[in-house]
């Protein structure tokens, strides 16, 4: 059974930091591109960060280096360190796994991040 379980969300003040983690199971994790998406109230889901099977990363332009995605192919986890958080970062953050060659894609249930004073 495929599972993506996010953790690490919560409430923080502007300028604060959070670290999100996603624990994967039920599929060949190292063969999948892993991503974090987010969806704010009333907005479409958007890509935040992606890390390929080879460790190459890309980020949404708006993040300006505040977020860092990483993966551990031994522990089957993908994480994202989020620094200098802003109220606009408030959203539900989702973990995503994709393997295009077999057209497989999985989503986690999401974790809420709220940035507010």
Protein backbone atom coordinates (compact mmCIF):
# COMPACT_ATOMS: atom_id res chain seq x y z
CA UNK A 1 0.00 0.00 0.00
CA UNK A 2 1.42 3.34 -1.07
CA UNK A 3 1.67 5.95 1.65
CA UNK A 4 3.03 9.47 1.82
CA UNK A 5 2.77 10.87 5.32
CA UNK A 6 3.66 14.51 5.88
CA UNK A 7 4.67 15.98 9.21
CA UNK A 8 6.21 19.14 10.61
CA UNK A 9 3.55 21.68 9.84
CA UNK A 10 2.22 24.10 12.40
CA UNK A 11 1.95 27.71 13.44
CA UNK A 12 4.90 30.04 13.39
CA UNK A 13 5.49 33.78 13.40
CA UNK A 14 6.74 35.74 10.39
CA UNK A 15 10.46 35.22 10.04
CA UNK A 16 10.28 31.82 11.66
CA UNK A 17 11.30 28.42 10.33
CA UNK A 18 9.68 25.03 9.92
CA UNK A 19 10.91 21.72 8.58
CA UNK A 20 8.47 19.51 6.75
CA UNK A 21 9.05 15.81 6.28
CA UNK A 22 7.34 13.20 4.16
CA UNK A 23 7.72 9.52 4.91
CA UNK A 24 7.13 7.28 1.90
CA UNK A 25 6.31 3.59 1.77
CA UNK A 26 4.86 1.04 -0.60
CA UNK A 27 6.82 1.98 -3.70
CA UNK A 28 10.39 2.23 -4.98
CA UNK A 29 11.12 5.63 -3.48
CA UNK A 30 14.55 6.16 -5.06
CA UNK A 31 13.05 5.85 -8.55
CA UNK A 32 10.58 8.70 -8.04
CA UNK A 33 10.89 12.45 -8.41
CA UNK A 34 9.69 13.98 -5.18
CA UNK A 35 8.05 17.36 -4.82
CA UNK A 36 6.35 19.64 -2.37
CA UNK A 37 3.27 21.53 -3.48
CA UNK A 38 1.13 23.96 -1.55
CA UNK A 39 -2.41 25.22 -1.75
CA UNK A 40 -3.57 28.38 -0.04
CA UNK A 41 -7.26 29.12 0.58
CA UNK A 42 -8.95 30.17 -2.65
CA UNK A 43 -5.87 29.47 -4.75
CA UNK A 44 -4.71 26.68 -7.01
CA UNK A 45 -2.20 24.12 -5.89
CA UNK A 46 1.31 25.23 -6.88
CA UNK A 47 4.73 23.62 -7.07
CA UNK A 48 7.06 24.72 -4.30
CA UNK A 49 10.13 22.53 -4.79
CA UNK A 50 11.18 19.39 -6.62
CA UNK A 51 14.07 16.98 -6.28
CA UNK A 52 14.91 14.43 -8.94
CA UNK A 53 16.10 10.89 -8.49
CA UNK A 54 19.63 12.18 -9.00
CA UNK A 55 19.25 14.93 -6.42
CA UNK A 56 18.78 17.86 -8.78
CA UNK A 57 16.50 20.51 -7.31
CA UNK A 58 14.34 23.31 -8.56
CA UNK A 59 12.16 25.81 -6.77
CA UNK A 60 9.35 28.24 -7.38
CA UNK A 61 10.85 31.60 -8.33
CA UNK A 62 8.98 33.37 -5.55
CA UNK A 63 10.84 31.52 -2.83
CA UNK A 64 14.12 33.37 -3.40
CA UNK A 65 16.26 30.75 -1.67
CA UNK A 66 14.25 30.54 1.52
CA UNK A 67 13.32 26.87 1.10
CA UNK A 68 15.58 23.84 0.69
CA UNK A 69 14.39 20.41 -0.38
CA UNK A 70 16.34 17.22 0.32
CA UNK A 71 15.81 13.48 0.16
CA UNK A 72 17.11 10.42 1.96
CA UNK A 73 16.85 7.31 -0.19
CA UNK A 74 17.78 5.08 2.74
CA UNK A 75 15.08 6.36 5.06
CA UNK A 76 12.64 6.95 2.17
CA UNK A 77 11.96 10.49 3.22
CA UNK A 78 11.85 13.87 1.55
CA UNK A 79 12.17 17.02 3.63
CA UNK A 80 11.93 20.72 3.13
CA UNK A 81 13.52 23.33 5.35
CA UNK A 82 11.56 26.57 5.24
CA UNK A 83 13.20 29.73 6.56
CA UNK A 84 12.18 33.37 6.80
CA UNK A 85 8.57 32.38 6.56
CA UNK A 86 6.00 34.96 5.50
CA UNK A 87 2.23 35.13 5.94
CA UNK A 88 1.93 34.41 2.20
CA UNK A 89 3.51 31.00 2.86
CA UNK A 90 0.39 29.97 4.76
CA UNK A 91 -1.06 26.95 2.99
CA UNK A 92 -1.56 23.23 3.12
CA UNK A 93 1.66 21.60 1.95
CA UNK A 94 1.50 18.34 0.05
CA UNK A 95 4.12 15.73 -0.68
CA UNK A 96 4.09 14.31 -4.20
CA UNK A 97 5.85 11.37 -5.84
CA UNK A 98 6.03 10.95 -9.60
CA UNK A 99 7.54 8.41 -11.92
CA UNK A 100 6.66 9.48 -15.44
CA UNK A 101 7.90 6.40 -17.28
CA UNK A 102 5.20 4.29 -15.63
CA UNK A 103 2.75 7.17 -15.25
CA UNK A 104 2.61 6.78 -11.50
CA UNK A 105 1.83 9.65 -9.18
CA UNK A 106 1.00 9.72 -5.51
CA UNK A 107 -0.06 12.43 -3.05
CA UNK A 108 0.05 12.78 0.67
CA UNK A 109 -2.82 14.10 2.76
CA UNK A 110 -1.13 17.44 3.41
CA UNK A 111 0.10 19.33 6.43
CA UNK A 112 -1.04 22.80 7.42
CA UNK A 113 1.51 25.61 7.68
CA UNK A 114 0.29 28.87 9.18
CA UNK A 115 2.48 31.95 9.41
CA UNK A 116 0.92 34.60 11.56
CA UNK A 117 1.79 37.00 14.32
